[in-house]
């Protein structure tokens, strides 16, 4: 059944103009080249350059955990030699590493001693802090007691003593005034002689004046104490309490900060000591792994088979790169062929597809294999390493020999085939322009395509034998 599609207006006009021009003036306008659709045998073969690699191999590399710097080869088994399990096949120069190891041992001893001293300082800090804190608390208690004693005891006593002294002065003055009055009365009665009267009276008056002066001085001194000295003394005691309280508060805060910082310092010292011990252990492991032994019997290969077949001949005193495969020990016997699968062919080649293998060294020798599953992410060049496994055994086949890989993608004795140039893309579909007896002389067919060989392509649906298809789009 033929599916009908509505053509764009410009395509219809182009076809109409082409057919009209061809009908009215065949010589004025050349016809678009065409080709007849035919049933033909069709075969598409994917061809790639490959190389024989061991089916089973162990790659060895040196990935230092702590060691840094240049690596030199002290001993190496030749490329292509057969080795036995446990045999030393590669040894890296370890004298520089041993020097680094000795420095690491000294670093461990230094950091451990520093850690011990740090713990001792922490203990001293705790002890001194407790003692300083107890002393500050005692000083604050003494200052508070001094202030309280001054306010509650000293001041009341001073006030009471002043009042008592003032009363004593006043009583003394009153007594002296009474005595002086009594003397004056006695003098009037002439009970004493004039000389005695003058001496006693003079002395009594003098004593009275002195007593009045003393009480005045005493009162002035008291007023001074009340106005100036007592506030200063009180403020000094209050400030002492405030200072002691602030000192205690600051000491507690400083103690907590010092304790926190000391804890961090101890943690850092402990971390440094642990890191130094860890680095020492890793250096010892690195030195032990600088001697490579064969993991099993096999063929010694300098280089890698994992990502790329890369043979890099190693020499004594030559440089060795870290974190890359240095040597590979290939198990004897079974091989497989590796080839690079490009992105454009990624989904044309599938697991289990049959593949012919033609060794380059044995061009007249061919055998069959099967494609292994292709998985994972592509390599940086957007290709995949793909393998063909086979069961053929021949002593002439060796790792690293080159080969051609031939994979048949399509093989039919009867296929509808047209040139690739006769198929055009329109959005998500493929179309062909077919000569027709219709009004415009051209019909558009949607086709289902199959494999191609770069020149011709299989048409699974949409065309029939004897159809005539255009090799160019109709002129606009």
Protein backbone atom coordinates (compact mmCIF):
# COMPACT_ATOMS: atom_id res chain seq x y z
CA UNK A 1 0.00 0.00 0.00
CA UNK A 2 1.37 3.41 -0.97
CA UNK A 3 1.03 6.14 1.62
CA UNK A 4 0.07 9.57 0.28
CA UNK A 5 1.78 12.71 1.65
CA UNK A 6 0.92 16.36 1.10
CA UNK A 7 3.85 18.06 -0.58
CA UNK A 8 5.04 21.60 0.18
CA UNK A 9 3.86 24.19 -2.32
CA UNK A 10 7.37 25.06 -3.53
CA UNK A 11 8.09 21.36 -4.26
CA UNK A 12 4.87 21.03 -6.28
CA UNK A 13 5.65 24.19 -8.23
CA UNK A 14 9.18 23.00 -8.92
CA UNK A 15 7.92 19.65 -10.19
CA UNK A 16 5.24 21.40 -12.32
CA UNK A 17 7.77 23.76 -13.86
CA UNK A 18 10.19 20.90 -14.52
CA UNK A 19 7.57 18.80 -16.27
CA UNK A 20 6.16 21.76 -18.22
CA UNK A 21 9.59 22.83 -19.38
CA UNK A 22 10.43 19.30 -20.39
CA UNK A 23 7.15 18.91 -22.29
CA UNK A 24 7.25 22.26 -24.08
CA UNK A 25 10.94 22.63 -24.87
CA UNK A 26 13.03 19.45 -24.41
CA UNK A 27 16.09 21.01 -26.02
CA UNK A 28 15.98 24.25 -24.00
CA UNK A 29 16.39 22.64 -20.57
CA UNK A 30 18.47 19.50 -19.79
CA UNK A 31 16.71 16.75 -17.92
CA UNK A 32 17.60 15.91 -14.30
CA UNK A 33 19.79 12.76 -14.23
CA UNK A 34 17.94 9.63 -13.13
CA UNK A 35 18.62 6.00 -12.46
CA UNK A 36 16.41 2.94 -12.61
CA UNK A 37 15.76 0.97 -9.45
CA UNK A 38 17.05 -2.59 -9.70
CA UNK A 39 17.24 -5.77 -7.65
CA UNK A 40 20.94 -6.52 -7.11
CA UNK A 41 23.15 -8.60 -4.85
CA UNK A 42 24.40 -6.24 -2.12
CA UNK A 43 27.10 -6.72 0.49
CA UNK A 44 28.40 -4.20 3.06
CA UNK A 45 31.65 -5.02 4.87
CA UNK A 46 33.10 -2.99 7.77
CA UNK A 47 36.90 -3.00 7.63
CA UNK A 48 39.26 -1.92 10.41
CA UNK A 49 42.94 -2.19 11.28
CA UNK A 50 43.51 -4.40 14.30
CA UNK A 51 46.29 -5.85 16.40
CA UNK A 52 46.63 -9.15 18.24
CA UNK A 53 46.63 -8.75 22.01
CA UNK A 54 46.65 -11.33 24.80
CA UNK A 55 43.24 -12.55 25.83
CA UNK A 56 44.50 -12.59 29.42
CA UNK A 57 47.24 -10.29 30.68
CA UNK A 58 48.25 -8.47 33.84
CA UNK A 59 49.40 -4.88 33.60
CA UNK A 60 51.82 -3.57 36.21
CA UNK A 61 52.33 0.06 37.16
CA UNK A 62 53.87 2.03 39.99
CA UNK A 63 51.44 4.39 41.70
CA UNK A 64 53.30 5.93 44.64
CA UNK A 65 51.26 6.80 47.70
CA UNK A 66 53.84 9.15 49.22
CA UNK A 67 57.01 9.09 47.15
CA UNK A 68 57.62 12.03 44.84
CA UNK A 69 60.27 12.87 42.29
CA UNK A 70 61.94 11.17 39.37
CA UNK A 71 61.91 7.39 39.03
CA UNK A 72 64.80 5.48 37.46
CA UNK A 73 64.97 1.86 36.31
CA UNK A 74 67.63 -0.23 38.07
CA UNK A 75 66.78 -3.59 36.48
CA UNK A 76 64.45 -4.65 33.64
CA UNK A 77 63.64 -7.92 31.85
CA UNK A 78 63.86 -7.57 28.05
CA UNK A 79 60.75 -7.03 25.98
CA UNK A 80 59.40 -10.33 24.58
CA UNK A 81 61.12 -12.57 27.14
CA UNK A 82 59.28 -15.43 28.80
CA UNK A 83 59.08 -15.04 32.60
CA UNK A 84 58.16 -17.34 35.45
CA UNK A 85 55.78 -16.53 38.31
CA UNK A 86 57.57 -14.75 41.19
CA UNK A 87 60.57 -13.79 39.08
CA UNK A 88 61.83 -10.20 39.43
CA UNK A 89 61.03 -8.53 36.12
CA UNK A 90 61.45 -4.84 37.00
CA UNK A 91 63.17 -2.99 39.81
CA UNK A 92 63.19 0.76 40.32
CA UNK A 93 66.13 2.59 41.87
CA UNK A 94 65.27 2.88 45.60
CA UNK A 95 68.25 4.74 47.11
CA UNK A 96 66.60 8.20 46.80
CA UNK A 97 63.44 6.73 48.28
CA UNK A 98 65.38 5.35 51.24
CA UNK A 99 66.80 8.81 51.91
CA UNK A 100 63.26 10.18 51.92
CA UNK A 101 62.29 7.34 54.25
CA UNK A 102 65.01 8.28 56.76
CA UNK A 103 63.83 11.89 56.73
CA UNK A 104 60.28 10.68 57.31
CA UNK A 105 61.45 8.58 60.30
CA UNK A 106 63.07 11.68 61.82
CA UNK A 107 59.90 13.65 61.17
CA UNK A 108 57.87 11.02 63.03
CA UNK A 109 60.17 11.16 66.05
CA UNK A 110 60.06 14.97 66.04
CA UNK A 111 56.29 15.20 65.81
CA UNK A 112 55.78 12.56 68.49
CA UNK A 113 58.12 14.42 70.86
CA UNK A 114 56.33 17.68 70.11
CA UNK A 115 53.03 15.95 70.88
CA UNK A 116 54.34 14.76 74.27
CA UNK A 117 55.50 18.29 75.11
CA UNK A 118 52.15 19.67 74.02
CA UNK A 119 50.30 17.31 76.36
CA UNK A 120 52.63 18.31 79.23
CA UNK A 121 51.97 22.00 78.53
CA UNK A 122 48.26 21.25 78.54
CA UNK A 123 48.53 19.65 81.98
CA UNK A 124 50.59 22.59 83.28
CA UNK A 125 48.08 25.03 81.84
CA UNK A 126 45.20 23.26 83.57
CA UNK A 127 47.06 23.18 86.90
CA UNK A 128 48.18 26.82 86.71
CA UNK A 129 44.75 27.95 85.61
CA UNK A 130 43.07 26.26 88.56
CA UNK A 131 45.54 27.83 90.97
CA UNK A 132 45.22 31.31 89.43
CA UNK A 133 41.46 31.00 89.42
CA UNK A 134 41.38 30.02 93.13
CA UNK A 135 43.69 32.92 93.99
CA UNK A 136 41.54 35.40 92.05
CA UNK A 137 38.40 34.14 93.78
CA UNK A 138 40.11 34.55 97.18
CA UNK A 139 41.29 38.08 96.33
CA UNK A 140 37.74 39.01 95.30
CA UNK A 141 36.37 37.61 98.56
CA UNK A 142 38.93 39.63 100.56
CA UNK A 143 38.08 42.81 98.66
CA UNK A 144 34.35 42.28 99.21
CA UNK A 145 34.96 41.65 102.92
CA UNK A 146 37.09 44.80 103.19
CA UNK A 147 34.36 46.89 101.60
CA UNK A 148 31.70 45.34 103.75
CA UNK A 149 33.82 45.82 106.92
CA UNK A 150 34.51 49.41 106.06
CA UNK A 151 30.82 50.17 105.40
CA UNK A 152 29.32 48.13 108.20
CA UNK A 153 32.00 48.33 110.94
CA UNK A 154 34.69 50.97 110.41
CA UNK A 155 32.39 53.77 109.38
CA UNK A 156 29.90 53.31 112.26
CA UNK A 157 32.82 53.09 114.74
CA UNK A 158 34.44 56.23 113.36
CA UNK A 159 31.16 58.07 113.58
CA UNK A 160 30.57 56.89 117.13
CA UNK A 161 34.15 57.80 118.15
CA UNK A 162 33.74 61.26 116.66
CA UNK A 163 30.49 61.86 118.50
CA UNK A 164 32.05 60.58 121.74
CA UNK A 165 35.15 62.76 121.34
CA UNK A 166 33.03 65.75 120.44
CA UNK A 167 30.93 65.30 123.57
CA UNK A 168 34.09 64.94 125.67
CA UNK A 169 35.49 68.17 124.22
CA UNK A 170 32.24 69.99 124.90
CA UNK A 171 32.04 68.64 128.46
CA UNK A 172 35.63 69.67 129.08
CA UNK A 173 34.95 73.17 127.82
CA UNK A 174 31.84 73.38 129.99
CA UNK A 175 33.84 72.24 133.03
CA UNK A 176 36.55 74.79 132.33
CA UNK A 177 33.99 77.55 131.96
CA UNK A 178 32.43 76.58 135.31
CA UNK A 179 35.86 76.48 136.97
CA UNK A 180 36.73 79.86 135.47
CA UNK A 181 33.43 81.30 136.78
CA UNK A 182 34.10 79.80 140.21
CA UNK A 183 37.59 81.33 140.29
CA UNK A 184 36.15 84.70 139.41
CA UNK A 185 33.71 84.41 142.30
CA UNK A 186 36.50 83.42 144.69
CA UNK A 187 38.60 86.31 143.54
CA UNK A 188 35.81 88.72 144.39
CA UNK A 189 35.69 87.37 147.93
CA UNK A 190 39.44 87.91 148.21
CA UNK A 191 40.10 84.39 149.32
CA UNK A 192 43.39 84.32 147.33
CA UNK A 193 46.25 86.75 147.01
CA UNK A 194 46.49 88.92 143.92
CA UNK A 195 49.56 87.05 142.57
CA UNK A 196 47.86 83.69 142.86
CA UNK A 197 44.68 85.11 141.42
CA UNK A 198 46.44 86.32 138.31
CA UNK A 199 48.32 83.07 137.70
CA UNK A 200 45.34 80.77 138.13
CA UNK A 201 42.92 82.93 136.25
CA UNK A 202 45.33 83.35 133.37
CA UNK A 203 45.97 79.64 133.17
CA UNK A 204 42.28 78.77 133.23
CA UNK A 205 41.48 81.18 130.44
CA UNK A 206 44.35 79.83 128.37
CA UNK A 207 43.19 76.23 128.85
CA UNK A 208 39.66 77.18 127.92
CA UNK A 209 40.82 78.83 124.71
CA UNK A 210 42.96 75.85 123.80
CA UNK A 211 40.07 73.47 124.39
CA UNK A 212 37.83 75.52 122.13
CA UNK A 213 40.58 75.55 119.49
CA UNK A 214 41.00 71.78 119.73
CA UNK A 215 37.32 71.08 119.29
CA UNK A 216 37.25 73.43 116.31
CA UNK A 217 40.21 71.60 114.74
CA UNK A 218 38.64 68.25 115.57
CA UNK A 219 35.39 69.25 113.92
CA UNK A 220 37.19 70.62 110.83
CA UNK A 221 39.16 67.38 110.50
CA UNK A 222 35.96 65.37 110.78
CA UNK A 223 34.29 67.47 108.12
CA UNK A 224 37.32 66.89 105.87
CA UNK A 225 37.08 63.14 106.41
CA UNK A 226 33.37 63.17 105.66
CA UNK A 227 33.68 65.34 102.58
CA UNK A 228 36.97 64.15 101.04
CA UNK A 229 38.77 61.27 102.72
CA UNK A 230 35.82 58.92 103.38
CA UNK A 231 34.42 59.02 99.78
CA UNK A 232 37.91 58.37 98.44
CA UNK A 233 38.43 55.45 100.79
CA UNK A 234 35.03 54.01 99.95
CA UNK A 235 35.62 54.42 96.22
CA UNK A 236 39.01 52.76 96.51
CA UNK A 237 37.49 49.77 98.24
CA UNK A 238 34.61 49.60 95.76
CA UNK A 239 37.02 49.86 92.81
CA UNK A 240 39.13 47.14 94.34
CA UNK A 241 36.06 44.88 94.41
CA UNK A 242 35.21 45.80 90.80
CA UNK A 243 38.80 45.23 89.69
CA UNK A 244 38.97 41.85 91.40
CA UNK A 245 35.63 40.85 89.95
CA UNK A 246 36.72 41.95 86.45
CA UNK A 247 40.04 40.21 86.88
CA UNK A 248 38.28 37.00 87.87
CA UNK A 249 35.92 37.27 84.90
CA UNK A 250 38.78 37.97 82.50
CA UNK A 251 40.78 35.12 83.98
CA UNK A 252 37.92 32.70 83.47
CA UNK A 253 37.44 33.85 79.89
CA UNK A 254 41.16 33.72 79.21
CA UNK A 255 41.33 30.29 80.80
CA UNK A 256 38.50 28.98 78.61
CA UNK A 257 40.08 30.49 75.49
CA UNK A 258 43.50 29.10 76.37
CA UNK A 259 41.95 25.71 77.07
CA UNK A 260 40.13 25.77 73.72
CA UNK A 261 43.25 26.87 71.81
CA UNK A 262 45.35 24.32 73.65
CA UNK A 263 42.89 21.60 72.66
CA UNK A 264 43.10 22.69 69.02
CA UNK A 265 46.89 22.74 69.24
CA UNK A 266 46.91 19.23 70.68
CA UNK A 267 44.57 18.04 67.94
CA UNK A 268 46.87 19.60 65.34
CA UNK A 269 49.94 18.02 66.90
CA UNK A 270 48.16 14.67 67.06
CA UNK A 271 47.12 15.06 63.41
CA UNK A 272 50.68 15.98 62.41
CA UNK A 273 52.03 12.95 64.25
CA UNK A 274 49.43 10.69 62.63
CA UNK A 275 50.15 12.16 59.18
CA UNK A 276 53.89 11.67 59.70
CA UNK A 277 53.38 8.03 60.74
CA UNK A 278 51.01 7.47 57.81
CA UNK A 279 53.47 8.97 55.35
CA UNK A 280 56.23 6.79 56.80
CA UNK A 281 54.09 3.66 56.35
CA UNK A 282 53.23 4.66 52.79
CA UNK A 283 56.87 5.32 51.95
CA UNK A 284 57.74 1.84 53.21
CA UNK A 285 54.98 0.40 51.05
CA UNK A 286 56.25 2.39 48.05
CA UNK A 287 59.78 1.05 48.52
CA UNK A 288 58.49 -2.50 48.79
CA UNK A 289 56.48 -2.07 45.56
CA UNK A 290 59.46 -0.71 43.64
CA UNK A 291 60.40 -4.31 42.94
CA UNK A 292 58.03 -5.95 40.44
CA UNK A 293 57.60 -9.73 40.30
CA UNK A 294 55.80 -11.69 37.62
CA UNK A 295 52.24 -12.45 38.82
CA UNK A 296 52.19 -15.58 36.67
CA UNK A 297 54.04 -17.28 33.86
CA UNK A 298 53.88 -15.40 30.61
CA UNK A 299 55.36 -13.14 27.98
CA UNK A 300 57.05 -9.91 29.11
CA UNK A 301 55.72 -6.87 27.23
CA UNK A 302 56.99 -3.32 27.75
CA UNK A 303 53.88 -1.13 27.69
CA UNK A 304 50.11 -1.45 27.89
CA UNK A 305 47.23 -3.30 26.27
CA UNK A 306 44.49 -1.75 28.39
CA UNK A 307 43.54 1.47 26.61
CA UNK A 308 45.89 1.60 23.69
CA UNK A 309 48.43 -0.84 22.40
CA UNK A 310 51.51 1.16 23.34
CA UNK A 311 54.91 -0.53 23.43
CA UNK A 312 57.49 1.59 25.21
CA UNK A 313 60.83 -0.15 25.44
CA UNK A 314 62.39 0.33 28.88
CA UNK A 315 66.11 0.46 29.58
CA UNK A 316 68.32 0.32 32.63
CA UNK A 317 68.85 3.85 34.05
CA UNK A 318 65.92 5.03 31.96
CA UNK A 319 63.09 7.08 33.40
CA UNK A 320 59.90 5.37 34.56
CA UNK A 321 56.62 7.27 34.61
CA UNK A 322 54.36 6.85 37.65
CA UNK A 323 50.67 5.95 37.43
CA UNK A 324 50.96 4.43 33.95
CA UNK A 325 51.40 0.83 32.85
CA UNK A 326 55.11 0.05 32.69
CA UNK A 327 55.03 -3.63 31.76
CA UNK A 328 52.45 -6.29 30.96
CA UNK A 329 52.76 -10.01 31.58
CA UNK A 330 50.66 -11.81 28.98
CA UNK A 331 49.51 -15.35 29.63
CA UNK A 332 50.70 -17.66 26.88
CA UNK A 333 48.17 -19.09 24.49
CA UNK A 334 44.86 -17.46 23.68
CA UNK A 335 44.83 -14.14 21.82
CA UNK A 336 42.19 -11.71 20.61
CA UNK A 337 42.17 -8.86 18.10
CA UNK A 338 41.65 -5.26 19.16
CA UNK A 339 40.44 -2.55 16.81
CA UNK A 340 39.22 1.02 17.20
CA UNK A 341 35.49 1.53 16.68
CA UNK A 342 34.66 5.06 15.52
CA UNK A 343 31.66 6.99 16.76
CA UNK A 344 29.83 6.84 13.43
CA UNK A 345 30.02 3.03 13.51
CA UNK A 346 29.32 2.61 17.25
CA UNK A 347 25.82 1.23 16.80
CA UNK A 348 26.44 -0.56 13.52
CA UNK A 349 28.69 -3.09 15.25
CA UNK A 350 27.11 -5.27 17.91
CA UNK A 351 28.16 -8.05 20.23
CA UNK A 352 28.22 -11.49 18.66
CA UNK A 353 28.61 -10.29 15.08
CA UNK A 354 30.80 -12.53 12.96
CA UNK A 355 34.17 -11.11 11.95
CA UNK A 356 36.88 -12.34 9.61
CA UNK A 357 40.48 -11.86 10.74
CA UNK A 358 43.31 -11.57 8.23
CA UNK A 359 46.80 -11.38 9.83
CA UNK A 360 49.03 -8.94 8.01
CA UNK A 361 51.99 -11.29 8.31
CA UNK A 362 49.85 -14.16 6.88
CA UNK A 363 47.87 -12.47 4.12
CA UNK A 364 46.67 -15.79 2.69
CA UNK A 365 45.45 -16.95 6.09
CA UNK A 366 41.96 -16.11 7.29
CA UNK A 367 39.86 -17.30 10.22
CA UNK A 368 36.62 -16.26 11.88
CA UNK A 369 35.85 -14.71 15.27
CA UNK A 370 33.06 -12.99 17.21
CA UNK A 371 32.77 -9.37 18.37
CA UNK A 372 32.80 -8.88 22.16
CA UNK A 373 30.21 -6.51 23.73
CA UNK A 374 31.04 -2.81 23.40
CA UNK A 375 30.32 -0.77 26.51
CA UNK A 376 31.46 2.18 28.59
CA UNK A 377 32.33 5.72 27.69
CA UNK A 378 34.38 6.55 24.61
CA UNK A 379 38.06 7.38 24.69
CA UNK A 380 39.15 11.02 24.32
CA UNK A 381 39.09 10.67 20.51
CA UNK A 382 35.46 9.47 20.60
CA UNK A 383 36.29 5.88 19.79
CA UNK A 384 35.88 2.58 21.63
CA UNK A 385 38.41 -0.20 21.98
CA UNK A 386 36.63 -3.26 20.63
CA UNK A 387 37.79 -6.89 20.59
CA UNK A 388 37.20 -9.92 18.41
CA UNK A 389 37.64 -13.25 20.14
CA UNK A 390 38.43 -16.44 18.27
CA UNK A 391 39.21 -20.05 19.00
CA UNK A 392 41.90 -20.60 16.38
CA UNK A 393 45.33 -21.59 17.62
CA UNK A 394 48.49 -21.09 15.60
CA UNK A 395 52.03 -20.72 16.91
CA UNK A 396 52.73 -18.12 14.25
CA UNK A 397 50.28 -15.68 15.86
CA UNK A 398 51.95 -13.48 18.44
CA UNK A 399 50.89 -10.39 20.42
CA UNK A 400 51.35 -7.06 18.62
CA UNK A 401 51.04 -8.57 15.13
CA UNK A 402 48.74 -6.49 12.92
CA UNK A 403 45.57 -7.78 11.28
CA UNK A 404 42.58 -6.71 9.23
CA UNK A 405 39.13 -7.07 10.78
CA UNK A 406 36.29 -7.61 8.31
CA UNK A 407 32.70 -7.55 9.62
CA UNK A 408 29.81 -8.22 7.24
CA UNK A 409 27.01 -5.77 7.99
CA UNK A 410 24.70 -6.81 5.14
CA UNK A 411 24.77 -9.64 2.63
CA UNK A 412 21.81 -10.23 0.32
CA UNK A 413 21.47 -11.75 -3.11
CA UNK A 414 18.36 -9.70 -3.89
CA UNK A 415 18.06 -6.13 -2.61
CA UNK A 416 16.58 -2.96 -4.02
CA UNK A 417 19.57 -0.66 -4.33
CA UNK A 418 19.90 2.99 -5.38
CA UNK A 419 22.77 5.48 -5.22
CA UNK A 420 23.00 7.35 -1.94
CA UNK A 421 22.57 10.60 -3.87
CA UNK A 422 19.00 9.58 -4.79
CA UNK A 423 17.84 9.69 -1.15
CA UNK A 424 17.06 13.03 0.50
CA UNK A 425 16.19 13.90 4.10
CA UNK A 426 13.04 15.85 4.94
CA UNK A 427 12.80 16.30 8.68
CA UNK A 428 12.63 12.85 10.24
CA UNK A 429 11.96 10.93 7.00
CA UNK A 430 13.84 9.91 3.85
CA UNK A 431 12.35 10.57 0.42
CA UNK A 432 13.05 9.83 -3.26
CA UNK A 433 11.83 11.74 -6.33
CA UNK A 434 10.33 9.22 -8.81
CA UNK A 435 9.53 9.86 -12.45
CA UNK A 436 5.76 9.64 -12.89
CA UNK A 437 3.06 10.04 -15.55
CA UNK A 438 1.22 12.33 -13.19
CA UNK A 439 0.50 15.96 -14.03
CA UNK A 440 3.84 17.26 -12.72
CA UNK A 441 5.94 14.34 -13.98
CA UNK A 442 7.53 13.74 -10.50
CA UNK A 443 6.18 11.91 -7.48
CA UNK A 444 7.61 12.02 -3.99
CA UNK A 445 8.03 8.70 -2.19
CA UNK A 446 8.83 8.19 1.48
CA UNK A 447 11.31 5.33 1.74
CA UNK A 448 12.69 3.12 4.50
CA UNK A 449 16.45 2.76 4.07
CA UNK A 450 18.81 -0.03 5.03
CA UNK A 451 22.62 -0.35 5.15
CA UNK A 452 24.92 1.44 2.75
CA UNK A 453 28.48 0.97 1.53
CA UNK A 454 29.24 4.67 1.12
CA UNK A 455 28.05 4.74 -2.51
CA UNK A 456 24.82 2.76 -2.68
CA UNK A 457 22.08 2.19 -0.16
CA UNK A 458 19.43 -0.50 0.34
CA UNK A 459 15.76 0.56 0.12
CA UNK A 460 13.64 -1.70 2.29
CA UNK A 461 10.26 -0.06 1.53
CA UNK A 462 8.89 2.66 -0.76
CA UNK A 463 10.37 1.77 -4.16
CA UNK A 464 9.82 -0.98 -6.72
CA UNK A 465 11.99 -2.39 -9.45
CA UNK A 466 11.88 -0.33 -12.64
CA UNK A 467 11.07 2.88 -10.78
CA UNK A 468 13.14 5.76 -12.11
CA UNK A 469 14.50 8.03 -9.36
CA UNK A 470 16.08 11.45 -9.66
CA UNK A 471 19.69 11.89 -8.57
CA UNK A 472 19.06 15.57 -7.90
CA UNK A 473 16.22 17.50 -6.38
CA UNK A 474 13.92 19.09 -8.96
CA UNK A 475 14.96 22.62 -9.90
CA UNK A 476 13.11 25.37 -8.06
